[in-house]
């Protein structure tokens, strides 16, 4: 139950959904796919896939295995496997991915730089571990003089 490590496949699981009427400002981290149709500002780190739907408005740095953009994104995007700009996709920012792993569909737009990196370089820029939900830092009381 709690504390046990799960090694479930994440690519075939149901995505976490950020709906049209939702707005998130902060950090999103997940193992399973994330589908965004709402507004997100901040950072998105995902071990599997991030899909930006046609109604989405995202201002974020995104790190994921696969990134598919069919809405509007402003920020830095890092994909360790594949990046797709779908027909309604618009990206303003820089993209970093493996050589040959960027697909731009007719109608998709990128305003920014496209960089390729080796597998080692991509691995070094991708988040490695799950963040701690509860910090382990403790505050110390001031000592009397």
Protein backbone atom coordinates (compact mmCIF):
# COMPACT_ATOMS: atom_id res chain seq x y z
CA UNK A 1 0.00 0.00 0.00
CA UNK A 2 1.80 3.17 1.17
CA UNK A 3 5.55 3.34 0.72
CA UNK A 4 5.67 0.51 -1.81
CA UNK A 5 7.35 1.26 -5.10
CA UNK A 6 5.09 0.82 -8.10
CA UNK A 7 6.53 -0.04 -11.49
CA UNK A 8 3.30 0.23 -13.45
CA UNK A 9 3.49 1.06 -17.16
CA UNK A 10 2.69 4.75 -17.61
CA UNK A 11 2.38 5.16 -21.37
CA UNK A 12 -0.93 3.27 -21.65
CA UNK A 13 -2.62 4.77 -18.58
CA UNK A 14 -5.34 7.42 -18.49
CA UNK A 15 -3.92 10.94 -18.55
CA UNK A 16 -4.19 13.55 -15.85
CA UNK A 17 -6.55 16.14 -17.30
CA UNK A 18 -6.37 19.92 -16.87
CA UNK A 19 -9.74 21.04 -18.19
CA UNK A 20 -10.73 24.14 -20.16
CA UNK A 21 -12.00 26.00 -17.09
CA UNK A 22 -8.90 25.19 -14.99
CA UNK A 23 -5.94 27.47 -14.34
CA UNK A 24 -2.76 26.24 -12.66
CA UNK A 25 0.10 28.48 -11.57
CA UNK A 26 3.08 26.53 -10.24
CA UNK A 27 4.80 23.18 -10.73
CA UNK A 28 3.27 20.03 -12.19
CA UNK A 29 5.16 16.74 -11.86
CA UNK A 30 3.91 13.33 -12.91
CA UNK A 31 4.69 9.88 -14.20
CA UNK A 32 1.53 9.41 -16.23
CA UNK A 33 0.47 11.36 -19.34
CA UNK A 34 -0.84 14.90 -18.83
CA UNK A 35 -3.47 16.40 -21.14
CA UNK A 36 -3.90 20.17 -20.87
CA UNK A 37 -6.87 22.08 -22.28
CA UNK A 38 -6.79 24.89 -19.70
CA UNK A 39 -4.19 27.44 -18.61
CA UNK A 40 -0.87 26.53 -17.02
CA UNK A 41 1.92 28.87 -15.93
CA UNK A 42 5.12 27.54 -14.36
CA UNK A 43 6.92 24.23 -14.83
CA UNK A 44 5.73 20.86 -16.16
CA UNK A 45 7.87 17.75 -15.59
CA UNK A 46 6.46 14.47 -16.87
CA UNK A 47 8.08 11.06 -17.26
CA UNK A 48 5.76 10.17 -20.15
CA UNK A 49 3.68 12.41 -22.43
CA UNK A 50 2.40 15.99 -22.27
CA UNK A 51 -0.40 16.87 -24.70
CA UNK A 52 -1.32 20.53 -25.14
CA UNK A 53 -4.88 20.64 -26.51
CA UNK A 54 -6.28 23.24 -28.93
CA UNK A 55 -7.86 25.39 -26.19
CA UNK A 56 -4.76 25.36 -23.96
CA UNK A 57 -2.69 28.42 -23.09
CA UNK A 58 0.62 27.41 -21.51
CA UNK A 59 3.52 29.59 -20.31
CA UNK A 60 5.93 27.06 -18.91
CA UNK A 61 9.17 25.16 -19.11
CA UNK A 62 8.22 21.62 -20.12
CA UNK A 63 10.36 18.49 -19.65
CA UNK A 64 8.80 15.24 -20.89
CA UNK A 65 9.51 12.10 -22.87
CA UNK A 66 6.96 13.14 -25.52
CA UNK A 67 5.45 16.58 -26.07
CA UNK A 68 2.53 17.15 -28.47
CA UNK A 69 1.38 20.73 -29.00
CA UNK A 70 -1.99 21.57 -30.58
CA UNK A 71 -2.57 24.80 -28.61
CA UNK A 72 -0.45 27.78 -27.59
CA UNK A 73 2.80 27.36 -25.66
CA UNK A 74 5.32 29.97 -24.61
CA UNK A 75 8.48 28.67 -22.97
CA UNK A 76 11.33 26.18 -23.20
CA UNK A 77 10.45 22.62 -24.26
CA UNK A 78 12.68 19.57 -23.69
CA UNK A 79 11.67 16.15 -25.06
CA UNK A 80 13.71 13.01 -24.43
CA UNK A 81 11.87 10.97 -27.11
CA UNK A 82 9.56 12.88 -29.48
CA UNK A 83 8.14 16.35 -30.06
CA UNK A 84 5.18 17.11 -32.34
CA UNK A 85 3.65 20.42 -33.35
CA UNK A 86 0.14 19.57 -34.53
CA UNK A 87 -1.90 21.64 -37.06
CA UNK A 88 -3.23 24.14 -34.48
CA UNK A 89 0.00 24.18 -32.47
CA UNK A 90 1.89 27.40 -31.84
CA UNK A 91 5.15 27.49 -29.87
CA UNK A 92 7.05 30.64 -28.93
CA UNK A 93 10.32 29.52 -27.37
CA UNK A 94 13.19 27.09 -27.80
CA UNK A 95 12.88 23.35 -28.34
CA UNK A 96 15.48 20.71 -27.45
CA UNK A 97 15.11 17.11 -28.55
CA UNK A 98 16.94 14.16 -30.13
CA UNK A 99 17.92 14.40 -33.81
CA UNK A 100 15.09 13.29 -36.11
CA UNK A 101 12.47 13.36 -33.35
CA UNK A 102 10.73 16.67 -34.18
CA UNK A 103 7.59 16.56 -36.33
CA UNK A 104 5.87 19.75 -37.49
CA UNK A 105 2.47 19.14 -39.09
CA UNK A 106 1.08 21.46 -41.76
CA UNK A 107 -0.24 24.54 -39.96
CA UNK A 108 2.00 24.10 -36.90
CA UNK A 109 4.15 27.13 -36.04
CA UNK A 110 7.40 27.54 -34.09
CA UNK A 111 8.80 30.97 -33.25
CA UNK A 112 12.14 30.17 -31.68
CA UNK A 113 15.13 27.90 -31.91
CA UNK A 114 15.21 24.16 -32.46
CA UNK A 115 18.20 22.42 -30.91
CA UNK A 116 19.18 18.79 -31.14
CA UNK A 117 21.04 17.01 -28.37
CA UNK A 118 22.57 13.58 -27.87
CA UNK A 119 20.89 11.01 -25.62
CA UNK A 120 23.42 11.80 -22.89
CA UNK A 121 22.77 15.55 -23.13
CA UNK A 122 18.99 15.04 -23.09
CA UNK A 123 19.27 12.74 -20.08
CA UNK A 124 21.25 15.41 -18.23
CA UNK A 125 18.60 18.09 -18.78
CA UNK A 126 15.63 15.89 -17.88
CA UNK A 127 14.45 15.74 -14.26
CA UNK A 128 15.69 12.50 -12.71
CA UNK A 129 13.67 11.93 -9.60
CA UNK A 130 10.28 12.59 -8.16
CA UNK A 131 10.14 15.74 -6.03
CA UNK A 132 9.59 15.41 -2.31
CA UNK A 133 6.02 16.33 -1.49
CA UNK A 134 6.86 17.17 2.08
CA UNK A 135 10.15 18.94 2.66
CA UNK A 136 12.62 17.49 5.11
CA UNK A 137 14.06 20.81 6.14
CA UNK A 138 13.55 21.75 9.73
CA UNK A 139 13.70 25.17 11.20
CA UNK A 140 15.91 25.67 14.17
CA UNK A 141 14.95 27.89 17.03
CA UNK A 142 17.36 30.73 17.74
CA UNK A 143 19.76 29.90 20.55
CA UNK A 144 19.85 32.22 23.53
CA UNK A 145 22.94 34.42 23.69
